[in-house]
Amino acid sequence: MAIISFKYNFIFIKTVKTAGTSIEADLSQNVEDDAIVTPIYPPSALHTPRNWEAKSGSFYNHMSAAEVRKILGQDIFGNMFKFCVERHPITKCISHFHMLRNSPLHNKDGSYNLSWDDYCQAGKFPVDINKYTTETDGNRSLIVDKILRYENLEEDLQETLQQCGIMDFKLKSTEKSEYSVNKLVSVSDVTDEQREIIDQSFSEVKKILGRY
């Protein structure tokens, strides 16, 4: 979870490597003072966390929609518009790999030195399906109302927020973009075997979304 706005009646669920921190930074400046805005790491001068500690439980960065519902209660949660962002598995994994290799927050001592192929073989990918679905008797169902496409993020985000009452929203922040400056792999470098491994790990995501 990243932001809950009661004024605009929406809940933004943050997923991994989908410009979530940039969205948080810009959205935090557009929602009311009473909105719930969770801390981000590392902190950003553009982002002011607030109201994230509650009697019923503390909200935190990257929490799932189901966890948000547990704290807010079904009545409030059910009446709010919930959305998140998803990304093509290949580019999502490439971005995740660059973060693990290049981010001083995730690789402080430089000990994470896996190659791209090692990363793929390890299979520890940023699969976020538990963030926006629930599972009952082996069957998954969406718990959010809309999943925006990362590939069309600015347009989808502006349209979505306009429907919520935030007009002319612009995504200006580029938080954590420096992780990919040292480019170690690109889409054209991904082998058929690596693509198959990634696709298999994201099979449930593709099934629930009906795309990718």
N, C-alpha and C. Protein backbone atom coordinates (compact mmCIF):
# COMPACT_ATOMS: atom_id res chain seq x y z
N MET A 1 0.84 -1.18 0.00
CA MET A 1 0.00 0.00 0.00
C MET A 1 0.88 1.23 0.00
N ALA A 2 0.41 2.26 -0.62
CA ALA A 2 1.16 3.49 -0.65
C ALA A 2 0.32 4.66 -0.17
N ILE A 3 -0.85 4.87 -0.74
CA ILE A 3 -1.65 6.06 -0.43
C ILE A 3 -3.14 5.71 -0.37
N ILE A 4 -3.80 6.20 0.68
CA ILE A 4 -5.26 6.13 0.81
C ILE A 4 -5.79 7.54 0.94
N SER A 5 -6.62 7.95 0.00
CA SER A 5 -7.22 9.28 0.05
C SER A 5 -8.72 9.15 0.30
N PHE A 6 -9.16 9.67 1.43
CA PHE A 6 -10.59 9.63 1.75
C PHE A 6 -11.33 10.75 1.03
N LYS A 7 -10.64 11.84 0.76
CA LYS A 7 -11.25 12.95 0.02
C LYS A 7 -11.59 12.52 -1.40
N TYR A 8 -10.65 11.83 -2.04
CA TYR A 8 -10.85 11.41 -3.43
C TYR A 8 -11.29 9.95 -3.54
N ASN A 9 -11.43 9.30 -2.40
CA ASN A 9 -12.01 7.96 -2.30
C ASN A 9 -11.24 6.91 -3.12
N PHE A 10 -9.91 6.90 -2.99
CA PHE A 10 -9.15 5.86 -3.69
C PHE A 10 -8.06 5.28 -2.80
N ILE A 11 -7.64 4.08 -3.16
CA ILE A 11 -6.53 3.39 -2.53
C ILE A 11 -5.55 3.00 -3.62
N PHE A 12 -4.32 3.45 -3.50
CA PHE A 12 -3.27 3.07 -4.44
C PHE A 12 -2.43 1.95 -3.82
N ILE A 13 -2.42 0.81 -4.46
CA ILE A 13 -1.65 -0.34 -4.00
C ILE A 13 -0.34 -0.37 -4.79
N LYS A 14 0.76 -0.35 -4.09
CA LYS A 14 2.06 -0.27 -4.75
C LYS A 14 2.60 -1.65 -5.10
N THR A 15 3.02 -1.80 -6.35
CA THR A 15 3.68 -3.02 -6.80
C THR A 15 5.15 -2.71 -7.08
N VAL A 16 5.91 -3.75 -7.37
CA VAL A 16 7.36 -3.62 -7.50
C VAL A 16 7.75 -3.27 -8.94
N LYS A 17 8.69 -2.32 -9.07
CA LYS A 17 9.27 -1.94 -10.35
C LYS A 17 8.23 -1.50 -11.38
N THR A 18 7.28 -0.69 -10.91
CA THR A 18 6.24 -0.16 -11.79
C THR A 18 6.08 1.36 -11.58
N ALA A 19 7.19 2.03 -11.26
CA ALA A 19 7.20 3.47 -11.00
C ALA A 19 6.39 3.84 -9.76
N GLY A 20 6.22 2.89 -8.86
CA GLY A 20 5.41 3.11 -7.67
C GLY A 20 5.91 4.25 -6.80
N THR A 21 7.22 4.34 -6.60
CA THR A 21 7.77 5.40 -5.75
C THR A 21 7.57 6.77 -6.38
N SER A 22 7.71 6.85 -7.68
CA SER A 22 7.47 8.11 -8.38
C SER A 22 6.00 8.52 -8.28
N ILE A 23 5.11 7.54 -8.43
CA ILE A 23 3.68 7.82 -8.28
C ILE A 23 3.39 8.31 -6.87
N GLU A 24 3.95 7.64 -5.88
CA GLU A 24 3.77 8.04 -4.48
C GLU A 24 4.21 9.49 -4.25
N ALA A 25 5.40 9.81 -4.74
CA ALA A 25 5.96 11.14 -4.52
C ALA A 25 5.06 12.22 -5.08
N ASP A 26 4.55 12.01 -6.28
CA ASP A 26 3.70 13.02 -6.91
C ASP A 26 2.29 13.02 -6.31
N LEU A 27 1.75 11.82 -6.04
CA LEU A 27 0.42 11.75 -5.47
C LEU A 27 0.36 12.35 -4.07
N SER A 28 1.42 12.16 -3.30
CA SER A 28 1.43 12.67 -1.92
C SER A 28 1.27 14.18 -1.88
N GLN A 29 1.63 14.85 -2.97
CA GLN A 29 1.50 16.30 -3.05
C GLN A 29 0.12 16.74 -3.54
N ASN A 30 -0.69 15.77 -3.99
CA ASN A 30 -1.99 16.08 -4.57
C ASN A 30 -3.16 15.64 -3.71
N VAL A 31 -2.90 14.86 -2.66
CA VAL A 31 -3.98 14.42 -1.79
C VAL A 31 -4.02 15.27 -0.52
N GLU A 32 -5.09 15.10 0.22
CA GLU A 32 -5.34 15.93 1.40
C GLU A 32 -4.39 15.62 2.54
N ASP A 33 -4.29 16.55 3.49
CA ASP A 33 -3.42 16.36 4.65
C ASP A 33 -3.83 15.15 5.48
N ASP A 34 -5.12 14.81 5.46
CA ASP A 34 -5.62 13.70 6.25
C ASP A 34 -5.48 12.35 5.54
N ALA A 35 -4.95 12.35 4.33
CA ALA A 35 -4.75 11.09 3.62
C ALA A 35 -3.70 10.24 4.33
N ILE A 36 -3.76 8.95 4.10
CA ILE A 36 -2.76 8.03 4.64
C ILE A 36 -1.66 7.86 3.60
N VAL A 37 -0.46 8.25 3.96
CA VAL A 37 0.69 8.18 3.05
C VAL A 37 1.82 7.48 3.80
N THR A 38 2.19 6.30 3.33
CA THR A 38 3.18 5.52 4.05
C THR A 38 4.61 5.98 3.73
N PRO A 39 5.56 5.74 4.63
CA PRO A 39 6.96 6.10 4.39
C PRO A 39 7.53 5.32 3.21
N ILE A 40 8.50 5.91 2.53
CA ILE A 40 9.22 5.22 1.47
C ILE A 40 10.70 5.21 1.83
N TYR A 41 11.42 4.28 1.24
CA TYR A 41 12.85 4.13 1.52
C TYR A 41 13.62 4.01 0.20
N PRO A 42 14.63 4.84 0.04
CA PRO A 42 15.04 5.92 0.93
C PRO A 42 14.03 7.06 0.90
N PRO A 43 13.99 7.91 1.93
CA PRO A 43 13.05 9.03 1.95
C PRO A 43 13.30 9.98 0.79
N SER A 44 12.26 10.71 0.40
CA SER A 44 12.36 11.67 -0.69
C SER A 44 11.85 13.02 -0.22
N ALA A 45 12.51 14.07 -0.64
CA ALA A 45 12.07 15.43 -0.29
C ALA A 45 10.73 15.75 -0.91
N LEU A 46 10.34 15.01 -1.94
CA LEU A 46 9.07 15.26 -2.63
C LEU A 46 7.90 14.53 -1.98
N HIS A 47 8.19 13.73 -0.97
CA HIS A 47 7.19 12.83 -0.40
C HIS A 47 7.10 13.03 1.11
N THR A 48 5.89 13.29 1.60
CA THR A 48 5.69 13.51 3.03
C THR A 48 4.78 12.43 3.60
N PRO A 49 5.33 11.41 4.30
CA PRO A 49 4.49 10.37 4.90
C PRO A 49 3.65 10.95 6.04
N ARG A 50 2.46 10.42 6.21
CA ARG A 50 1.59 10.94 7.26
C ARG A 50 0.43 9.96 7.53
N ASN A 51 -0.03 9.96 8.76
CA ASN A 51 -1.25 9.25 9.18
C ASN A 51 -1.20 7.74 8.94
N TRP A 52 0.00 7.17 8.87
CA TRP A 52 0.11 5.76 8.52
C TRP A 52 0.04 4.82 9.72
N GLU A 53 0.08 5.39 10.92
CA GLU A 53 -0.07 4.57 12.11
C GLU A 53 -1.50 4.72 12.65
N ALA A 54 -2.22 3.61 12.75
CA ALA A 54 -3.60 3.63 13.20
C ALA A 54 -3.79 2.67 14.37
N LYS A 55 -4.86 2.87 15.13
CA LYS A 55 -5.13 2.01 16.28
C LYS A 55 -5.36 0.56 15.84
N SER A 56 -5.94 0.42 14.67
CA SER A 56 -6.27 -0.93 14.18
C SER A 56 -5.09 -1.59 13.48
N GLY A 57 -3.98 -0.86 13.34
CA GLY A 57 -2.80 -1.43 12.70
C GLY A 57 -2.07 -0.41 11.86
N SER A 58 -0.79 -0.60 11.67
CA SER A 58 0.00 0.37 10.91
C SER A 58 0.05 0.00 9.44
N PHE A 59 -0.11 1.00 8.60
CA PHE A 59 0.04 0.81 7.16
C PHE A 59 1.53 0.90 6.82
N TYR A 60 1.96 0.18 5.81
CA TYR A 60 3.37 0.21 5.45
C TYR A 60 3.52 0.08 3.94
N ASN A 61 4.67 0.45 3.46
CA ASN A 61 4.95 0.44 2.04
C ASN A 61 4.90 -0.98 1.48
N HIS A 62 4.32 -1.13 0.31
CA HIS A 62 4.22 -2.42 -0.39
C HIS A 62 3.29 -3.41 0.28
N MET A 63 2.39 -2.97 1.16
CA MET A 63 1.45 -3.92 1.74
C MET A 63 0.38 -4.25 0.71
N SER A 64 -0.24 -5.41 0.89
CA SER A 64 -1.21 -5.90 -0.09
C SER A 64 -2.58 -5.26 0.13
N ALA A 65 -3.42 -5.38 -0.88
CA ALA A 65 -4.78 -4.87 -0.77
C ALA A 65 -5.54 -5.61 0.33
N ALA A 66 -5.29 -6.91 0.49
CA ALA A 66 -5.96 -7.68 1.52
C ALA A 66 -5.59 -7.18 2.92
N GLU A 67 -4.33 -6.78 3.10
CA GLU A 67 -3.90 -6.24 4.39
C GLU A 67 -4.53 -4.88 4.65
N VAL A 68 -4.65 -4.08 3.60
CA VAL A 68 -5.32 -2.78 3.74
C VAL A 68 -6.78 -2.99 4.15
N ARG A 69 -7.42 -3.93 3.51
CA ARG A 69 -8.83 -4.23 3.83
C ARG A 69 -8.99 -4.66 5.28
N LYS A 70 -8.04 -5.43 5.78
CA LYS A 70 -8.12 -5.90 7.16
C LYS A 70 -8.10 -4.74 8.14
N ILE A 71 -7.30 -3.71 7.85
CA ILE A 71 -7.20 -2.56 8.76
C ILE A 71 -8.39 -1.62 8.59
N LEU A 72 -8.75 -1.33 7.36
CA LEU A 72 -9.84 -0.39 7.10
C LEU A 72 -11.22 -0.99 7.41
N GLY A 73 -11.33 -2.29 7.23
CA GLY A 73 -12.63 -2.93 7.34
C GLY A 73 -13.29 -3.02 5.98
N GLN A 74 -14.10 -4.06 5.78
CA GLN A 74 -14.69 -4.32 4.47
C GLN A 74 -15.60 -3.19 4.01
N ASP A 75 -16.36 -2.57 4.93
CA ASP A 75 -17.31 -1.53 4.53
C ASP A 75 -16.59 -0.34 3.88
N ILE A 76 -15.55 0.15 4.54
CA ILE A 76 -14.80 1.28 3.98
C ILE A 76 -14.04 0.85 2.73
N PHE A 77 -13.33 -0.25 2.84
CA PHE A 77 -12.52 -0.74 1.72
C PHE A 77 -13.38 -0.99 0.48
N GLY A 78 -14.52 -1.62 0.69
CA GLY A 78 -15.38 -1.98 -0.43
C GLY A 78 -15.95 -0.80 -1.16
N ASN A 79 -16.07 0.33 -0.48
CA ASN A 79 -16.66 1.52 -1.10
C ASN A 79 -15.61 2.45 -1.70
N MET A 80 -14.33 2.07 -1.62
CA MET A 80 -13.27 2.90 -2.19
C MET A 80 -12.76 2.30 -3.50
N PHE A 81 -12.26 3.15 -4.38
CA PHE A 81 -11.71 2.70 -5.66
C PHE A 81 -10.27 2.28 -5.45
N LYS A 82 -9.95 1.05 -5.82
CA LYS A 82 -8.61 0.51 -5.62
C LYS A 82 -7.91 0.30 -6.95
N PHE A 83 -6.67 0.74 -7.03
CA PHE A 83 -5.94 0.53 -8.28
C PHE A 83 -4.46 0.30 -8.01
N CYS A 84 -3.80 -0.31 -8.99
CA CYS A 84 -2.36 -0.55 -8.93
C CYS A 84 -1.83 -0.54 -10.36
N VAL A 85 -0.56 -0.85 -10.52
CA VAL A 85 0.07 -0.85 -11.84
C VAL A 85 0.78 -2.19 -12.04
N GLU A 86 0.69 -2.74 -13.24
CA GLU A 86 1.47 -3.93 -13.58
C GLU A 86 2.27 -3.68 -14.85
N ARG A 87 3.26 -4.54 -15.03
CA ARG A 87 4.25 -4.34 -16.09
C ARG A 87 4.56 -5.67 -16.76
N HIS A 88 4.99 -5.61 -18.01
CA HIS A 88 5.37 -6.85 -18.70
C HIS A 88 6.44 -7.57 -17.88
N PRO A 89 6.29 -8.87 -17.68
CA PRO A 89 7.23 -9.62 -16.83
C PRO A 89 8.70 -9.47 -17.21
N ILE A 90 9.01 -9.43 -18.51
CA ILE A 90 10.41 -9.35 -18.92
C ILE A 90 11.04 -8.03 -18.49
N THR A 91 10.40 -6.92 -18.83
CA THR A 91 10.97 -5.62 -18.45
C THR A 91 10.92 -5.40 -16.94
N LYS A 92 9.92 -5.99 -16.29
CA LYS A 92 9.83 -5.89 -14.83
C LYS A 92 11.02 -6.59 -14.18
N CYS A 93 11.36 -7.77 -14.67
CA CYS A 93 12.48 -8.52 -14.12
C CYS A 93 13.81 -7.84 -14.43
N ILE A 94 13.94 -7.28 -15.61
CA ILE A 94 15.17 -6.56 -15.95
C ILE A 94 15.36 -5.38 -15.02
N SER A 95 14.29 -4.64 -14.75
CA SER A 95 14.37 -3.51 -13.83
C SER A 95 14.71 -3.97 -12.42
N HIS A 96 14.11 -5.08 -12.00
CA HIS A 96 14.37 -5.64 -10.68
C HIS A 96 15.83 -6.08 -10.55
N PHE A 97 16.35 -6.70 -11.59
CA PHE A 97 17.75 -7.12 -11.61
C PHE A 97 18.69 -5.93 -11.47
N HIS A 98 18.40 -4.85 -12.20
CA HIS A 98 19.23 -3.65 -12.11
C HIS A 98 19.17 -3.04 -10.71
N MET A 99 18.01 -3.09 -10.07
CA MET A 99 17.90 -2.58 -8.71
C MET A 99 18.77 -3.38 -7.76
N LEU A 100 18.70 -4.70 -7.87
CA LEU A 100 19.49 -5.56 -6.98
C LEU A 100 20.99 -5.37 -7.18
N ARG A 101 21.39 -5.12 -8.40
CA ARG A 101 22.81 -4.94 -8.69
C ARG A 101 23.30 -3.51 -8.40
N ASN A 102 22.47 -2.51 -8.72
CA ASN A 102 22.94 -1.12 -8.72
C ASN A 102 22.50 -0.27 -7.54
N SER A 103 21.46 -0.69 -6.84
CA SER A 103 20.94 0.14 -5.75
C SER A 103 21.82 0.04 -4.51
N PRO A 104 22.29 1.17 -3.97
CA PRO A 104 23.08 1.13 -2.74
C PRO A 104 22.24 0.69 -1.54
N LEU A 105 20.92 0.79 -1.68
CA LEU A 105 20.03 0.34 -0.60
C LEU A 105 19.94 -1.18 -0.57
N HIS A 106 19.96 -1.82 -1.74
CA HIS A 106 19.82 -3.26 -1.82
C HIS A 106 21.15 -4.00 -1.93
N ASN A 107 22.19 -3.29 -2.34
CA ASN A 107 23.50 -3.92 -2.54
C ASN A 107 24.58 -3.04 -1.92
N LYS A 108 24.45 -2.82 -0.64
CA LYS A 108 25.32 -1.88 0.07
C LYS A 108 26.80 -2.22 -0.04
N ASP A 109 27.12 -3.49 0.09
CA ASP A 109 28.53 -3.88 0.09
C ASP A 109 28.99 -4.48 -1.24
N GLY A 110 28.11 -4.44 -2.24
CA GLY A 110 28.48 -4.97 -3.55
C GLY A 110 28.54 -6.48 -3.63
N SER A 111 27.98 -7.16 -2.63
CA SER A 111 28.07 -8.62 -2.60
C SER A 111 27.09 -9.30 -3.55
N TYR A 112 26.06 -8.56 -3.98
CA TYR A 112 25.13 -9.14 -4.95
C TYR A 112 25.73 -8.94 -6.34
N ASN A 113 26.31 -9.96 -6.88
CA ASN A 113 26.99 -9.84 -8.16
C ASN A 113 26.56 -10.91 -9.15
N LEU A 114 25.31 -11.40 -9.00
CA LEU A 114 24.81 -12.40 -9.94
C LEU A 114 24.75 -11.83 -11.35
N SER A 115 25.03 -12.67 -12.31
CA SER A 115 24.83 -12.29 -13.70
C SER A 115 23.33 -12.34 -14.00
N TRP A 116 22.94 -11.81 -15.15
CA TRP A 116 21.53 -11.87 -15.53
C TRP A 116 21.06 -13.32 -15.64
N ASP A 117 21.87 -14.19 -16.19
CA ASP A 117 21.47 -15.59 -16.31
C ASP A 117 21.35 -16.23 -14.93
N ASP A 118 22.28 -15.93 -14.02
CA ASP A 118 22.19 -16.45 -12.65
C ASP A 118 20.90 -15.99 -11.99
N TYR A 119 20.57 -14.72 -12.21
CA TYR A 119 19.32 -14.15 -11.67
C TYR A 119 18.11 -14.94 -12.18
N CYS A 120 18.08 -15.21 -13.47
CA CYS A 120 16.96 -15.95 -14.06
C CYS A 120 16.89 -17.37 -13.52
N GLN A 121 18.04 -18.00 -13.40
CA GLN A 121 18.06 -19.38 -12.91
C GLN A 121 17.63 -19.46 -11.44
N ALA A 122 17.93 -18.42 -10.67
CA ALA A 122 17.53 -18.39 -9.26
C ALA A 122 16.01 -18.30 -9.11
N GLY A 123 15.37 -17.62 -10.06
CA GLY A 123 13.90 -17.58 -10.09
C GLY A 123 13.24 -16.75 -9.01
N LYS A 124 13.97 -15.84 -8.38
CA LYS A 124 13.38 -14.98 -7.35
C LYS A 124 12.92 -13.68 -7.99
N PHE A 125 11.77 -13.76 -8.66
CA PHE A 125 11.27 -12.65 -9.46
C PHE A 125 10.26 -11.80 -8.69
N PRO A 126 10.03 -10.57 -9.13
CA PRO A 126 9.09 -9.67 -8.45
C PRO A 126 7.64 -9.93 -8.85
N VAL A 127 7.13 -11.09 -8.46
CA VAL A 127 5.75 -11.45 -8.76
C VAL A 127 4.84 -10.84 -7.71
N ASP A 128 3.92 -9.97 -8.13
CA ASP A 128 3.10 -9.18 -7.21
C ASP A 128 1.66 -9.63 -7.11
N ILE A 129 1.35 -10.81 -7.61
CA ILE A 129 -0.06 -11.20 -7.71
C ILE A 129 -0.76 -11.20 -6.35
N ASN A 130 -0.03 -11.46 -5.27
CA ASN A 130 -0.65 -11.45 -3.94
C ASN A 130 -1.00 -10.04 -3.48
N LYS A 131 -0.47 -9.03 -4.15
CA LYS A 131 -0.77 -7.65 -3.76
C LYS A 131 -2.19 -7.25 -4.16
N TYR A 132 -2.67 -7.81 -5.27
CA TYR A 132 -3.95 -7.33 -5.80
C TYR A 132 -4.98 -8.42 -6.05
N THR A 133 -4.73 -9.62 -5.54
CA THR A 133 -5.72 -10.70 -5.63
C THR A 133 -5.87 -11.39 -4.28
N THR A 134 -6.92 -12.16 -4.17
CA THR A 134 -7.09 -13.07 -3.05
C THR A 134 -7.27 -14.47 -3.62
N GLU A 135 -6.98 -15.47 -2.81
CA GLU A 135 -7.09 -16.85 -3.26
C GLU A 135 -8.01 -17.63 -2.34
N THR A 136 -9.00 -18.27 -2.90
CA THR A 136 -9.94 -19.10 -2.14
C THR A 136 -10.09 -20.45 -2.83
N ASP A 137 -9.78 -21.51 -2.11
CA ASP A 137 -9.87 -22.87 -2.66
C ASP A 137 -9.11 -23.01 -3.98
N GLY A 138 -7.94 -22.36 -4.04
CA GLY A 138 -7.10 -22.46 -5.23
C GLY A 138 -7.50 -21.54 -6.37
N ASN A 139 -8.56 -20.77 -6.18
CA ASN A 139 -9.02 -19.85 -7.22
C ASN A 139 -8.70 -18.41 -6.85
N ARG A 140 -8.09 -17.70 -7.77
CA ARG A 140 -7.71 -16.31 -7.52
C ARG A 140 -8.77 -15.36 -8.09
N SER A 141 -8.96 -14.25 -7.38
CA SER A 141 -9.85 -13.20 -7.87
C SER A 141 -9.25 -11.84 -7.53
N LEU A 142 -9.53 -10.88 -8.36
CA LEU A 142 -9.02 -9.53 -8.14
C LEU A 142 -9.66 -8.91 -6.91
N ILE A 143 -8.84 -8.13 -6.18
CA ILE A 143 -9.35 -7.40 -5.03
C ILE A 143 -9.23 -5.89 -5.28
N VAL A 144 -8.69 -5.52 -6.43
CA VAL A 144 -8.62 -4.12 -6.84
C VAL A 144 -9.58 -3.92 -8.01
N ASP A 145 -9.91 -2.65 -8.27
CA ASP A 145 -10.87 -2.34 -9.32
C ASP A 145 -10.23 -2.12 -10.68
N LYS A 146 -8.96 -1.73 -10.69
CA LYS A 146 -8.31 -1.44 -11.96
C LYS A 146 -6.82 -1.68 -11.84
N ILE A 147 -6.24 -2.28 -12.88
CA ILE A 147 -4.79 -2.47 -12.95
C ILE A 147 -4.29 -1.72 -14.16
N LEU A 148 -3.54 -0.67 -13.91
CA LEU A 148 -3.04 0.18 -14.98
C LEU A 148 -1.86 -0.49 -15.68
N ARG A 149 -1.69 -0.18 -16.95
CA ARG A 149 -0.56 -0.69 -17.71
C ARG A 149 0.65 0.24 -17.52
N TYR A 150 1.75 -0.31 -17.09
CA TYR A 150 2.98 0.47 -16.97
C TYR A 150 3.37 1.04 -18.32
N GLU A 151 3.14 0.28 -19.36
CA GLU A 151 3.54 0.69 -20.71
C GLU A 151 2.74 1.90 -21.20
N ASN A 152 1.62 2.20 -20.56
CA ASN A 152 0.80 3.36 -20.93
C ASN A 152 0.49 4.17 -19.67
N LEU A 153 1.50 4.25 -18.78
CA LEU A 153 1.26 4.72 -17.43
C LEU A 153 0.75 6.15 -17.34
N GLU A 154 1.40 7.07 -17.99
CA GLU A 154 1.03 8.48 -17.82
C GLU A 154 -0.42 8.72 -18.24
N GLU A 155 -0.81 8.17 -19.37
CA GLU A 155 -2.18 8.37 -19.85
C GLU A 155 -3.19 7.66 -18.95
N ASP A 156 -2.90 6.40 -18.59
CA ASP A 156 -3.82 5.64 -17.74
C ASP A 156 -3.95 6.27 -16.35
N LEU A 157 -2.84 6.73 -15.81
CA LEU A 157 -2.84 7.32 -14.48
C LEU A 157 -3.61 8.64 -14.47
N GLN A 158 -3.39 9.46 -15.47
CA GLN A 158 -4.10 10.73 -15.54
C GLN A 158 -5.61 10.51 -15.68
N GLU A 159 -5.99 9.56 -16.53
CA GLU A 159 -7.41 9.26 -16.72
C GLU A 159 -8.04 8.72 -15.44
N THR A 160 -7.34 7.82 -14.77
CA THR A 160 -7.84 7.21 -13.54
C THR A 160 -8.03 8.25 -12.44
N LEU A 161 -7.02 9.09 -12.25
CA LEU A 161 -7.10 10.09 -11.19
C LEU A 161 -8.12 11.17 -11.52
N GLN A 162 -8.30 11.45 -12.79
CA GLN A 162 -9.33 12.42 -13.18
C GLN A 162 -10.71 11.91 -12.79
N GLN A 163 -10.93 10.62 -12.95
CA GLN A 163 -12.20 10.02 -12.55
C GLN A 163 -12.41 10.11 -11.04
N CYS A 164 -11.29 10.14 -10.31
CA CYS A 164 -11.35 10.26 -8.84
C CYS A 164 -11.49 11.72 -8.39
N GLY A 165 -11.25 12.67 -9.29
CA GLY A 165 -11.38 14.08 -8.95
C GLY A 165 -10.10 14.86 -8.92
N ILE A 166 -8.98 14.22 -9.21
CA ILE A 166 -7.69 14.92 -9.29
C ILE A 166 -7.44 15.24 -10.76
N MET A 167 -7.56 16.51 -11.09
CA MET A 167 -7.51 16.91 -12.48
C MET A 167 -6.08 17.25 -12.93
N ASP A 168 -5.79 16.94 -14.20
CA ASP A 168 -4.54 17.32 -14.84
C ASP A 168 -3.31 16.82 -14.10
N PHE A 169 -3.38 15.60 -13.57
CA PHE A 169 -2.23 15.03 -12.86
C PHE A 169 -1.10 14.74 -13.84
N LYS A 170 0.09 15.11 -13.45
CA LYS A 170 1.28 14.85 -14.25
C LYS A 170 2.28 14.05 -13.43
N LEU A 171 2.80 13.01 -14.02
CA LEU A 171 3.83 12.21 -13.36
C LEU A 171 5.18 12.85 -13.67
N LYS A 172 5.72 13.54 -12.69
CA LYS A 172 6.95 14.30 -12.89
C LYS A 172 8.18 13.65 -12.27
N SER A 173 7.98 12.91 -11.19
CA SER A 173 9.11 12.33 -10.46
C SER A 173 9.75 11.18 -11.23
N THR A 174 11.02 11.00 -11.00
CA THR A 174 11.76 9.87 -11.58
C THR A 174 12.55 9.17 -10.48
N GLU A 175 11.85 8.86 -9.38
CA GLU A 175 12.51 8.24 -8.24
C GLU A 175 13.12 6.89 -8.63
N LYS A 176 14.34 6.65 -8.20
CA LYS A 176 15.06 5.39 -8.35
C LYS A 176 15.43 5.06 -9.81
N SER A 177 15.24 6.00 -10.72
CA SER A 177 15.58 5.73 -12.11
C SER A 177 17.08 5.54 -12.30
N GLU A 178 17.86 6.03 -11.34
CA GLU A 178 19.31 5.91 -11.45
C GLU A 178 19.78 4.46 -11.35
N TYR A 179 18.91 3.56 -10.86
CA TYR A 179 19.31 2.16 -10.73
C TYR A 179 19.58 1.51 -12.08
N SER A 180 18.96 2.05 -13.14
CA SER A 180 19.12 1.45 -14.46
C SER A 180 20.08 2.21 -15.36
N VAL A 181 20.77 3.21 -14.80
CA VAL A 181 21.74 3.96 -15.60
C VAL A 181 22.87 3.05 -16.04
N ASN A 182 23.35 2.23 -15.10
CA ASN A 182 24.37 1.24 -15.43
C ASN A 182 23.67 0.02 -16.03
N LYS A 183 23.37 0.07 -17.32
CA LYS A 183 22.56 -0.96 -17.97
C LYS A 183 23.38 -2.22 -18.19
N LEU A 184 22.92 -3.31 -17.59
CA LEU A 184 23.63 -4.57 -17.64
C LEU A 184 22.98 -5.57 -18.60
N VAL A 185 21.70 -5.36 -18.88
CA VAL A 185 20.97 -6.26 -19.77
C VAL A 185 19.80 -5.50 -20.38
N SER A 186 19.42 -5.83 -21.59
CA SER A 186 18.27 -5.24 -22.25
C SER A 186 17.36 -6.36 -22.76
N VAL A 187 16.19 -6.01 -23.24
CA VAL A 187 15.22 -7.01 -23.69
C VAL A 187 15.81 -7.88 -24.79
N SER A 188 16.59 -7.28 -25.65
CA SER A 188 17.17 -8.04 -26.77
C SER A 188 18.19 -9.09 -26.31
N ASP A 189 18.68 -8.96 -25.09
CA ASP A 189 19.65 -9.92 -24.55
C ASP A 189 19.00 -11.16 -23.94
N VAL A 190 17.69 -11.10 -23.72
CA VAL A 190 16.99 -12.19 -23.04
C VAL A 190 16.87 -13.38 -23.98
N THR A 191 17.35 -14.53 -23.54
CA THR A 191 17.30 -15.73 -24.36
C THR A 191 15.92 -16.39 -24.28
N ASP A 192 15.67 -17.30 -25.18
CA ASP A 192 14.39 -18.03 -25.16
C ASP A 192 14.22 -18.80 -23.85
N GLU A 193 15.31 -19.39 -23.36
CA GLU A 193 15.24 -20.16 -22.12
C GLU A 193 14.91 -19.24 -20.94
N GLN A 194 15.57 -18.09 -20.89
CA GLN A 194 15.30 -17.14 -19.81
C GLN A 194 13.88 -16.61 -19.87
N ARG A 195 13.42 -16.35 -21.08
CA ARG A 195 12.05 -15.86 -21.25
C ARG A 195 11.03 -16.90 -20.78
N GLU A 196 11.31 -18.16 -21.07
CA GLU A 196 10.41 -19.24 -20.65
C GLU A 196 10.35 -19.36 -19.13
N ILE A 197 11.51 -19.22 -18.48
CA ILE A 197 11.56 -19.28 -17.01
C ILE A 197 10.73 -18.16 -16.41
N ILE A 198 10.89 -16.96 -16.93
CA ILE A 198 10.15 -15.80 -16.42
C ILE A 198 8.66 -15.95 -16.70
N ASP A 199 8.32 -16.34 -17.92
CA ASP A 199 6.91 -16.50 -18.28
C ASP A 199 6.22 -17.52 -17.38
N GLN A 200 6.91 -18.58 -17.05
CA GLN A 200 6.32 -19.62 -16.20
C GLN A 200 6.05 -19.07 -14.80
N SER A 201 6.97 -18.27 -14.28
CA SER A 201 6.80 -17.70 -12.95
C SER A 201 5.65 -16.70 -12.89
N PHE A 202 5.37 -16.07 -14.03
CA PHE A 202 4.31 -15.06 -14.09
C PHE A 202 3.02 -15.61 -14.72
N SER A 203 2.90 -16.93 -14.82
CA SER A 203 1.75 -17.52 -15.50
C SER A 203 0.42 -17.15 -14.84
N GLU A 204 0.39 -17.12 -13.51
CA GLU A 204 -0.84 -16.75 -12.81
C GLU A 204 -1.18 -15.28 -13.03
N VAL A 205 -0.14 -14.44 -13.10
CA VAL A 205 -0.36 -13.02 -13.37
C VAL A 205 -1.00 -12.85 -14.73
N LYS A 206 -0.44 -13.52 -15.72
CA LYS A 206 -0.96 -13.40 -17.08
C LYS A 206 -2.39 -13.93 -17.18
N LYS A 207 -2.68 -14.97 -16.42
CA LYS A 207 -4.02 -15.55 -16.44
C LYS A 207 -5.04 -14.59 -15.82
N ILE A 208 -4.70 -13.99 -14.70
CA ILE A 208 -5.65 -13.10 -14.01
C ILE A 208 -5.82 -11.79 -14.76
N LEU A 209 -4.76 -11.33 -15.44
CA LEU A 209 -4.84 -10.07 -16.16
C LEU A 209 -5.38 -10.23 -17.58
N GLY A 210 -5.19 -11.41 -18.14
CA GLY A 210 -5.61 -11.63 -19.50
C GLY A 210 -4.73 -10.92 -20.52
N ARG A 211 -3.49 -10.68 -20.13
CA ARG A 211 -2.54 -10.02 -21.06
C ARG A 211 -1.11 -10.44 -20.71
N TYR A 212 -0.19 -10.02 -21.56
CA TYR A 212 1.23 -10.35 -21.49
C TYR A 212 1.44 -11.82 -21.84
